[in-house]
Amino acid sequence: MHSRRTAADFLKQADQAAALLPKAVRILELREALLDALPQSLARSCSIANVKQGKVVIFAVNSASAAKLKLMAPLLCQRLSRPGREVTSVIIHAQPPAPCTGVGPKQAWIGEGGANALNALGESLPESSLKSIVQALAARARTTGSR
């Protein structure tokens, strides 16, 4: 059974989202400042993850990038700070990106010509385990090969 949502529920969600907006804007501003402060090759391998009480958390895609950023931490503090946006420290973590889960298992199949060639090969082989494996593969290819 679905619960009924009232207008008050939607307004409450809008208020909660509005409360997040200033922090989101602050993170976006800091991301732009970070891009300006770093060489392009290093800027591509990091991102600002959070800002809390003047502490900026930066995620680097690997430990080499994290080490470079740690060496630049005092300079980054200075460049990310501006009036109205004080940055007291920069915390850097190596955080590899999550693996892509959109790729499924490989599904290979053998066409009709391949199935016929396997069948001919199986008939030409002497009695052996190889012959039975090739014939089983040919039979399987004939049943699944008509895609």
N, C-alpha and C. Protein backbone atom coordinates (compact mmCIF):
# COMPACT_ATOMS: atom_id res chain seq x y z
N MET A 1 0.84 -1.17 0.00
CA MET A 1 0.00 0.00 0.00
C MET A 1 0.89 1.24 0.00
N HIS A 2 0.57 2.18 -0.85
CA HIS A 2 1.34 3.41 -0.96
C HIS A 2 0.86 4.43 0.07
N SER A 3 1.79 5.12 0.68
CA SER A 3 1.39 6.16 1.63
C SER A 3 1.05 7.43 0.85
N ARG A 4 0.09 8.15 1.33
CA ARG A 4 -0.30 9.39 0.68
C ARG A 4 0.60 10.51 1.16
N ARG A 5 1.10 11.29 0.23
CA ARG A 5 1.96 12.41 0.57
C ARG A 5 1.15 13.68 0.51
N THR A 6 1.33 14.47 1.50
CA THR A 6 0.60 15.73 1.56
C THR A 6 1.47 16.87 1.07
N ALA A 7 0.84 18.01 0.88
CA ALA A 7 1.58 19.20 0.47
C ALA A 7 2.61 19.59 1.53
N ALA A 8 2.28 19.34 2.79
CA ALA A 8 3.22 19.67 3.88
C ALA A 8 4.48 18.82 3.76
N ASP A 9 4.34 17.57 3.33
CA ASP A 9 5.52 16.71 3.15
C ASP A 9 6.43 17.29 2.07
N PHE A 10 5.85 17.76 0.97
CA PHE A 10 6.65 18.33 -0.11
C PHE A 10 7.32 19.63 0.34
N LEU A 11 6.61 20.45 1.11
CA LEU A 11 7.20 21.69 1.60
C LEU A 11 8.33 21.41 2.57
N LYS A 12 8.17 20.37 3.39
CA LYS A 12 9.23 20.01 4.33
C LYS A 12 10.49 19.57 3.57
N GLN A 13 10.30 18.79 2.52
CA GLN A 13 11.44 18.37 1.70
C GLN A 13 12.09 19.58 1.03
N ALA A 14 11.30 20.51 0.57
CA ALA A 14 11.85 21.71 -0.08
C ALA A 14 12.66 22.53 0.92
N ASP A 15 12.18 22.61 2.17
CA ASP A 15 12.92 23.34 3.20
C ASP A 15 14.25 22.65 3.49
N GLN A 16 14.24 21.32 3.53
CA GLN A 16 15.48 20.58 3.79
C GLN A 16 16.46 20.78 2.64
N ALA A 17 15.96 20.77 1.41
CA ALA A 17 16.83 20.99 0.25
C ALA A 17 17.37 22.41 0.25
N ALA A 18 16.55 23.37 0.62
CA ALA A 18 16.99 24.77 0.66
C ALA A 18 18.09 24.97 1.70
N ALA A 19 18.05 24.19 2.78
CA ALA A 19 19.08 24.29 3.81
C ALA A 19 20.43 23.80 3.27
N LEU A 20 20.42 22.91 2.30
CA LEU A 20 21.65 22.38 1.73
C LEU A 20 22.26 23.29 0.67
N LEU A 21 21.46 24.16 0.12
CA LEU A 21 21.90 24.99 -0.99
C LEU A 21 23.12 25.86 -0.68
N PRO A 22 23.21 26.57 0.45
CA PRO A 22 24.41 27.38 0.70
C PRO A 22 25.69 26.54 0.76
N LYS A 23 25.62 25.36 1.36
CA LYS A 23 26.81 24.51 1.43
C LYS A 23 27.19 24.01 0.04
N ALA A 24 26.20 23.66 -0.77
CA ALA A 24 26.49 23.21 -2.13
C ALA A 24 27.15 24.31 -2.95
N VAL A 25 26.66 25.53 -2.80
CA VAL A 25 27.26 26.67 -3.51
C VAL A 25 28.69 26.89 -3.03
N ARG A 26 28.92 26.78 -1.72
CA ARG A 26 30.27 26.95 -1.17
C ARG A 26 31.21 25.88 -1.72
N ILE A 27 30.76 24.63 -1.81
CA ILE A 27 31.60 23.55 -2.36
C ILE A 27 31.90 23.81 -3.83
N LEU A 28 30.92 24.26 -4.59
CA LEU A 28 31.15 24.56 -6.01
C LEU A 28 32.16 25.70 -6.19
N GLU A 29 32.06 26.73 -5.35
CA GLU A 29 33.03 27.83 -5.41
C GLU A 29 34.43 27.34 -5.10
N LEU A 30 34.54 26.48 -4.08
CA LEU A 30 35.85 25.95 -3.72
C LEU A 30 36.40 25.04 -4.82
N ARG A 31 35.54 24.29 -5.48
CA ARG A 31 36.00 23.45 -6.59
C ARG A 31 36.58 24.30 -7.71
N GLU A 32 35.92 25.41 -8.02
CA GLU A 32 36.45 26.30 -9.06
C GLU A 32 37.78 26.91 -8.63
N ALA A 33 37.88 27.30 -7.35
CA ALA A 33 39.14 27.86 -6.85
C ALA A 33 40.25 26.81 -6.87
N LEU A 34 39.90 25.56 -6.58
CA LEU A 34 40.88 24.48 -6.61
C LEU A 34 41.38 24.26 -8.03
N LEU A 35 40.48 24.30 -9.00
CA LEU A 35 40.88 24.13 -10.41
C LEU A 35 41.84 25.24 -10.84
N ASP A 36 41.61 26.46 -10.34
CA ASP A 36 42.50 27.57 -10.68
C ASP A 36 43.85 27.46 -9.98
N ALA A 37 43.88 26.84 -8.80
CA ALA A 37 45.10 26.78 -7.99
C ALA A 37 46.03 25.65 -8.40
N LEU A 38 45.52 24.65 -9.10
CA LEU A 38 46.33 23.47 -9.42
C LEU A 38 46.67 23.39 -10.90
N PRO A 39 47.77 22.69 -11.22
CA PRO A 39 48.03 22.39 -12.63
C PRO A 39 46.90 21.50 -13.16
N GLN A 40 46.61 21.60 -14.43
CA GLN A 40 45.48 20.89 -15.02
C GLN A 40 45.57 19.37 -14.80
N SER A 41 46.77 18.80 -14.94
CA SER A 41 46.91 17.36 -14.78
C SER A 41 46.56 16.90 -13.36
N LEU A 42 46.90 17.70 -12.36
CA LEU A 42 46.58 17.36 -10.98
C LEU A 42 45.13 17.69 -10.65
N ALA A 43 44.61 18.75 -11.23
CA ALA A 43 43.22 19.15 -10.97
C ALA A 43 42.23 18.09 -11.45
N ARG A 44 42.59 17.37 -12.53
CA ARG A 44 41.70 16.32 -13.05
C ARG A 44 41.62 15.13 -12.12
N SER A 45 42.60 14.96 -11.24
CA SER A 45 42.65 13.77 -10.40
C SER A 45 42.22 14.02 -8.96
N CYS A 46 41.52 15.12 -8.71
CA CYS A 46 41.05 15.38 -7.35
C CYS A 46 39.75 16.17 -7.37
N SER A 47 39.08 16.15 -6.22
CA SER A 47 37.83 16.88 -6.10
C SER A 47 37.57 17.20 -4.64
N ILE A 48 36.90 18.31 -4.40
CA ILE A 48 36.55 18.68 -3.04
C ILE A 48 35.34 17.85 -2.63
N ALA A 49 35.48 17.15 -1.51
CA ALA A 49 34.42 16.27 -1.04
C ALA A 49 33.52 16.93 -0.02
N ASN A 50 34.10 17.77 0.86
CA ASN A 50 33.31 18.36 1.93
C ASN A 50 34.01 19.60 2.47
N VAL A 51 33.23 20.44 3.12
CA VAL A 51 33.74 21.62 3.82
C VAL A 51 32.99 21.70 5.13
N LYS A 52 33.75 21.78 6.23
CA LYS A 52 33.10 21.88 7.53
C LYS A 52 34.02 22.64 8.48
N GLN A 53 33.52 23.72 9.03
CA GLN A 53 34.23 24.53 10.00
C GLN A 53 35.61 24.95 9.49
N GLY A 54 35.68 25.36 8.25
CA GLY A 54 36.92 25.85 7.68
C GLY A 54 37.87 24.75 7.20
N LYS A 55 37.51 23.50 7.39
CA LYS A 55 38.34 22.38 6.93
C LYS A 55 37.80 21.88 5.60
N VAL A 56 38.67 21.84 4.62
CA VAL A 56 38.29 21.39 3.28
C VAL A 56 38.85 19.98 3.09
N VAL A 57 37.96 19.05 2.74
CA VAL A 57 38.36 17.67 2.49
C VAL A 57 38.44 17.46 0.98
N ILE A 58 39.62 17.01 0.53
CA ILE A 58 39.85 16.77 -0.89
C ILE A 58 40.12 15.29 -1.09
N PHE A 59 39.43 14.70 -2.07
CA PHE A 59 39.67 13.31 -2.45
C PHE A 59 40.54 13.30 -3.69
N ALA A 60 41.63 12.51 -3.64
CA ALA A 60 42.49 12.31 -4.80
C ALA A 60 42.25 10.89 -5.32
N VAL A 61 42.38 10.70 -6.62
CA VAL A 61 42.06 9.40 -7.21
C VAL A 61 43.11 8.33 -6.92
N ASN A 62 44.31 8.73 -6.52
CA ASN A 62 45.35 7.75 -6.19
C ASN A 62 46.32 8.35 -5.18
N SER A 63 47.18 7.51 -4.64
CA SER A 63 48.08 7.96 -3.59
C SER A 63 49.15 8.93 -4.10
N ALA A 64 49.53 8.82 -5.37
CA ALA A 64 50.53 9.74 -5.92
C ALA A 64 49.96 11.16 -5.98
N SER A 65 48.72 11.28 -6.44
CA SER A 65 48.08 12.60 -6.46
C SER A 65 47.88 13.14 -5.05
N ALA A 66 47.52 12.25 -4.12
CA ALA A 66 47.33 12.67 -2.73
C ALA A 66 48.64 13.20 -2.15
N ALA A 67 49.75 12.55 -2.46
CA ALA A 67 51.05 12.99 -1.95
C ALA A 67 51.41 14.37 -2.51
N LYS A 68 51.14 14.60 -3.79
CA LYS A 68 51.42 15.92 -4.38
C LYS A 68 50.56 17.00 -3.72
N LEU A 69 49.29 16.66 -3.49
CA LEU A 69 48.39 17.63 -2.86
C LEU A 69 48.81 17.93 -1.43
N LYS A 70 49.29 16.92 -0.71
CA LYS A 70 49.74 17.15 0.67
C LYS A 70 50.94 18.09 0.70
N LEU A 71 51.80 17.99 -0.29
CA LEU A 71 52.93 18.91 -0.37
C LEU A 71 52.46 20.34 -0.64
N MET A 72 51.34 20.46 -1.34
CA MET A 72 50.82 21.77 -1.71
C MET A 72 49.78 22.29 -0.70
N ALA A 73 49.53 21.57 0.39
CA ALA A 73 48.46 21.93 1.33
C ALA A 73 48.54 23.36 1.85
N PRO A 74 49.71 23.85 2.29
CA PRO A 74 49.74 25.25 2.77
C PRO A 74 49.37 26.25 1.68
N LEU A 75 49.86 26.02 0.47
CA LEU A 75 49.53 26.90 -0.65
C LEU A 75 48.04 26.82 -0.97
N LEU A 76 47.47 25.61 -0.92
CA LEU A 76 46.04 25.45 -1.21
C LEU A 76 45.18 26.18 -0.18
N CYS A 77 45.59 26.09 1.10
CA CYS A 77 44.87 26.82 2.16
C CYS A 77 44.82 28.31 1.83
N GLN A 78 45.94 28.82 1.42
CA GLN A 78 46.04 30.24 1.12
C GLN A 78 45.19 30.61 -0.11
N ARG A 79 45.26 29.79 -1.15
CA ARG A 79 44.55 30.11 -2.40
C ARG A 79 43.05 29.89 -2.31
N LEU A 80 42.63 28.96 -1.45
CA LEU A 80 41.20 28.70 -1.32
C LEU A 80 40.52 29.69 -0.39
N SER A 81 41.31 30.34 0.47
CA SER A 81 40.74 31.34 1.39
C SER A 81 40.51 32.65 0.66
N ARG A 82 39.47 33.33 1.07
CA ARG A 82 39.18 34.67 0.58
C ARG A 82 38.23 35.30 1.61
N PRO A 83 38.01 36.57 1.57
CA PRO A 83 37.09 37.18 2.54
C PRO A 83 35.71 36.52 2.47
N GLY A 84 35.21 36.11 3.62
CA GLY A 84 33.93 35.43 3.69
C GLY A 84 34.02 33.94 3.51
N ARG A 85 35.20 33.43 3.18
CA ARG A 85 35.39 31.99 3.00
C ARG A 85 36.77 31.63 3.55
N GLU A 86 36.83 31.44 4.85
CA GLU A 86 38.10 31.12 5.50
C GLU A 86 38.34 29.62 5.44
N VAL A 87 39.52 29.26 5.01
CA VAL A 87 39.94 27.86 4.98
C VAL A 87 41.09 27.73 5.97
N THR A 88 40.86 26.96 7.04
CA THR A 88 41.88 26.82 8.08
C THR A 88 42.79 25.63 7.84
N SER A 89 42.28 24.60 7.18
CA SER A 89 43.12 23.44 6.88
C SER A 89 42.58 22.68 5.68
N VAL A 90 43.47 21.90 5.09
CA VAL A 90 43.11 21.07 3.95
C VAL A 90 43.45 19.64 4.33
N ILE A 91 42.46 18.76 4.23
CA ILE A 91 42.63 17.34 4.55
C ILE A 91 42.54 16.58 3.23
N ILE A 92 43.53 15.75 2.97
CA ILE A 92 43.60 15.05 1.69
C ILE A 92 43.55 13.55 1.93
N HIS A 93 42.67 12.89 1.18
CA HIS A 93 42.53 11.43 1.25
C HIS A 93 42.65 10.85 -0.16
N ALA A 94 43.30 9.70 -0.25
CA ALA A 94 43.30 8.96 -1.51
C ALA A 94 42.00 8.16 -1.56
N GLN A 95 41.18 8.42 -2.53
CA GLN A 95 39.87 7.78 -2.66
C GLN A 95 39.69 7.37 -4.11
N PRO A 96 40.08 6.13 -4.47
CA PRO A 96 39.91 5.71 -5.86
C PRO A 96 38.44 5.72 -6.25
N PRO A 97 38.14 6.03 -7.51
CA PRO A 97 36.74 6.03 -7.93
C PRO A 97 36.16 4.63 -7.86
N ALA A 98 34.87 4.56 -7.66
CA ALA A 98 34.19 3.26 -7.59
C ALA A 98 34.28 2.59 -8.95
N PRO A 99 34.44 1.26 -8.95
CA PRO A 99 34.51 0.56 -10.24
C PRO A 99 33.18 0.64 -10.98
N CYS A 100 33.26 0.67 -12.27
CA CYS A 100 32.06 0.73 -13.10
C CYS A 100 31.35 -0.62 -13.04
N THR A 101 30.09 -0.60 -12.68
CA THR A 101 29.34 -1.86 -12.57
C THR A 101 28.42 -2.07 -13.75
N GLY A 102 28.45 -1.18 -14.72
CA GLY A 102 27.55 -1.29 -15.86
C GLY A 102 27.95 -2.35 -16.88
N VAL A 103 29.16 -2.88 -16.78
CA VAL A 103 29.62 -3.86 -17.74
C VAL A 103 29.29 -5.26 -17.23
N GLY A 104 28.53 -5.99 -17.99
CA GLY A 104 28.15 -7.35 -17.61
C GLY A 104 29.16 -8.36 -18.12
N PRO A 105 28.92 -9.62 -17.83
CA PRO A 105 29.83 -10.65 -18.30
C PRO A 105 29.79 -10.76 -19.83
N LYS A 106 30.89 -11.16 -20.40
CA LYS A 106 30.98 -11.29 -21.84
C LYS A 106 30.11 -12.46 -22.29
N GLN A 107 29.33 -12.23 -23.31
CA GLN A 107 28.46 -13.28 -23.84
C GLN A 107 28.86 -13.53 -25.28
N ALA A 108 29.77 -14.48 -25.47
CA ALA A 108 30.22 -14.82 -26.81
C ALA A 108 29.34 -15.93 -27.36
N TRP A 109 29.20 -15.96 -28.67
CA TRP A 109 28.44 -17.02 -29.30
C TRP A 109 29.08 -17.36 -30.63
N ILE A 110 28.79 -18.54 -31.09
CA ILE A 110 29.36 -19.02 -32.35
C ILE A 110 28.25 -19.04 -33.39
N GLY A 111 28.52 -18.47 -34.53
CA GLY A 111 27.54 -18.43 -35.61
C GLY A 111 27.37 -19.78 -36.28
N GLU A 112 26.49 -19.83 -37.27
CA GLU A 112 26.19 -21.09 -37.96
C GLU A 112 27.41 -21.65 -38.69
N GLY A 113 28.18 -20.76 -39.32
CA GLY A 113 29.39 -21.22 -40.03
C GLY A 113 30.40 -21.82 -39.07
N GLY A 114 30.57 -21.20 -37.89
CA GLY A 114 31.49 -21.73 -36.89
C GLY A 114 31.01 -23.06 -36.35
N ALA A 115 29.69 -23.19 -36.15
CA ALA A 115 29.13 -24.45 -35.65
C ALA A 115 29.37 -25.56 -36.67
N ASN A 116 29.19 -25.26 -37.96
CA ASN A 116 29.43 -26.27 -39.01
C ASN A 116 30.90 -26.67 -39.06
N ALA A 117 31.79 -25.69 -38.91
CA ALA A 117 33.23 -25.98 -38.93
C ALA A 117 33.62 -26.84 -37.72
N LEU A 118 33.06 -26.55 -36.54
CA LEU A 118 33.34 -27.38 -35.37
C LEU A 118 32.82 -28.80 -35.56
N ASN A 119 31.64 -28.92 -36.16
CA ASN A 119 31.07 -30.23 -36.40
C ASN A 119 31.96 -31.03 -37.34
N ALA A 120 32.44 -30.39 -38.41
CA ALA A 120 33.34 -31.07 -39.36
C ALA A 120 34.64 -31.46 -38.68
N LEU A 121 35.17 -30.59 -37.83
CA LEU A 121 36.40 -30.90 -37.10
C LEU A 121 36.17 -32.09 -36.17
N GLY A 122 35.05 -32.09 -35.47
CA GLY A 122 34.74 -33.19 -34.55
C GLY A 122 34.63 -34.52 -35.26
N GLU A 123 34.06 -34.53 -36.48
CA GLU A 123 33.93 -35.78 -37.24
C GLU A 123 35.28 -36.26 -37.75
N SER A 124 36.22 -35.35 -38.00
CA SER A 124 37.52 -35.75 -38.54
C SER A 124 38.52 -36.21 -37.47
N LEU A 125 38.23 -35.94 -36.21
CA LEU A 125 39.15 -36.32 -35.13
C LEU A 125 38.99 -37.80 -34.76
N PRO A 126 40.09 -38.44 -34.33
CA PRO A 126 39.96 -39.82 -33.83
C PRO A 126 39.25 -39.82 -32.48
N GLU A 127 38.74 -40.95 -32.08
CA GLU A 127 38.04 -41.05 -30.80
C GLU A 127 38.97 -40.62 -29.66
N SER A 128 38.55 -39.59 -28.96
CA SER A 128 39.33 -39.06 -27.84
C SER A 128 38.45 -38.11 -27.05
N SER A 129 38.99 -37.64 -25.93
CA SER A 129 38.23 -36.66 -25.13
C SER A 129 38.12 -35.34 -25.89
N LEU A 130 39.14 -35.01 -26.71
CA LEU A 130 39.09 -33.80 -27.50
C LEU A 130 37.92 -33.85 -28.48
N LYS A 131 37.73 -35.02 -29.13
CA LYS A 131 36.64 -35.17 -30.09
C LYS A 131 35.29 -34.96 -29.41
N SER A 132 35.11 -35.54 -28.22
CA SER A 132 33.82 -35.39 -27.54
C SER A 132 33.60 -33.94 -27.10
N ILE A 133 34.67 -33.24 -26.71
CA ILE A 133 34.54 -31.83 -26.31
C ILE A 133 34.17 -30.97 -27.51
N VAL A 134 34.83 -31.19 -28.65
CA VAL A 134 34.55 -30.40 -29.86
C VAL A 134 33.13 -30.66 -30.35
N GLN A 135 32.69 -31.94 -30.31
CA GLN A 135 31.33 -32.25 -30.75
C GLN A 135 30.29 -31.63 -29.80
N ALA A 136 30.57 -31.63 -28.51
CA ALA A 136 29.64 -31.01 -27.56
C ALA A 136 29.57 -29.50 -27.79
N LEU A 137 30.71 -28.89 -28.08
CA LEU A 137 30.74 -27.46 -28.37
C LEU A 137 29.98 -27.16 -29.65
N ALA A 138 30.13 -27.99 -30.66
CA ALA A 138 29.41 -27.80 -31.92
C ALA A 138 27.90 -27.93 -31.71
N ALA A 139 27.49 -28.92 -30.90
CA ALA A 139 26.06 -29.10 -30.62
C ALA A 139 25.51 -27.90 -29.86
N ARG A 140 26.28 -27.43 -28.91
CA ARG A 140 25.85 -26.26 -28.13
C ARG A 140 25.77 -25.01 -29.02
N ALA A 141 26.74 -24.87 -29.94
CA ALA A 141 26.76 -23.71 -30.83
C ALA A 141 25.54 -23.75 -31.76
N ARG A 142 25.12 -24.94 -32.18
CA ARG A 142 23.96 -25.04 -33.08
C ARG A 142 22.67 -24.63 -32.36
N THR A 143 22.57 -24.94 -31.05
CA THR A 143 21.34 -24.61 -30.32
C THR A 143 21.30 -23.15 -29.90
N THR A 144 22.45 -22.53 -29.60
CA THR A 144 22.47 -21.13 -29.16
C THR A 144 22.94 -20.17 -30.23
N GLY A 145 23.43 -20.69 -31.35
CA GLY A 145 24.02 -19.83 -32.39
C GLY A 145 23.04 -19.10 -33.26
N SER A 146 21.77 -19.42 -33.20
CA SER A 146 20.79 -18.75 -34.09
C SER A 146 20.22 -17.51 -33.42
N ARG A 147 21.05 -16.48 -33.23
CA ARG A 147 20.62 -15.23 -32.59
C ARG A 147 20.25 -14.20 -33.61
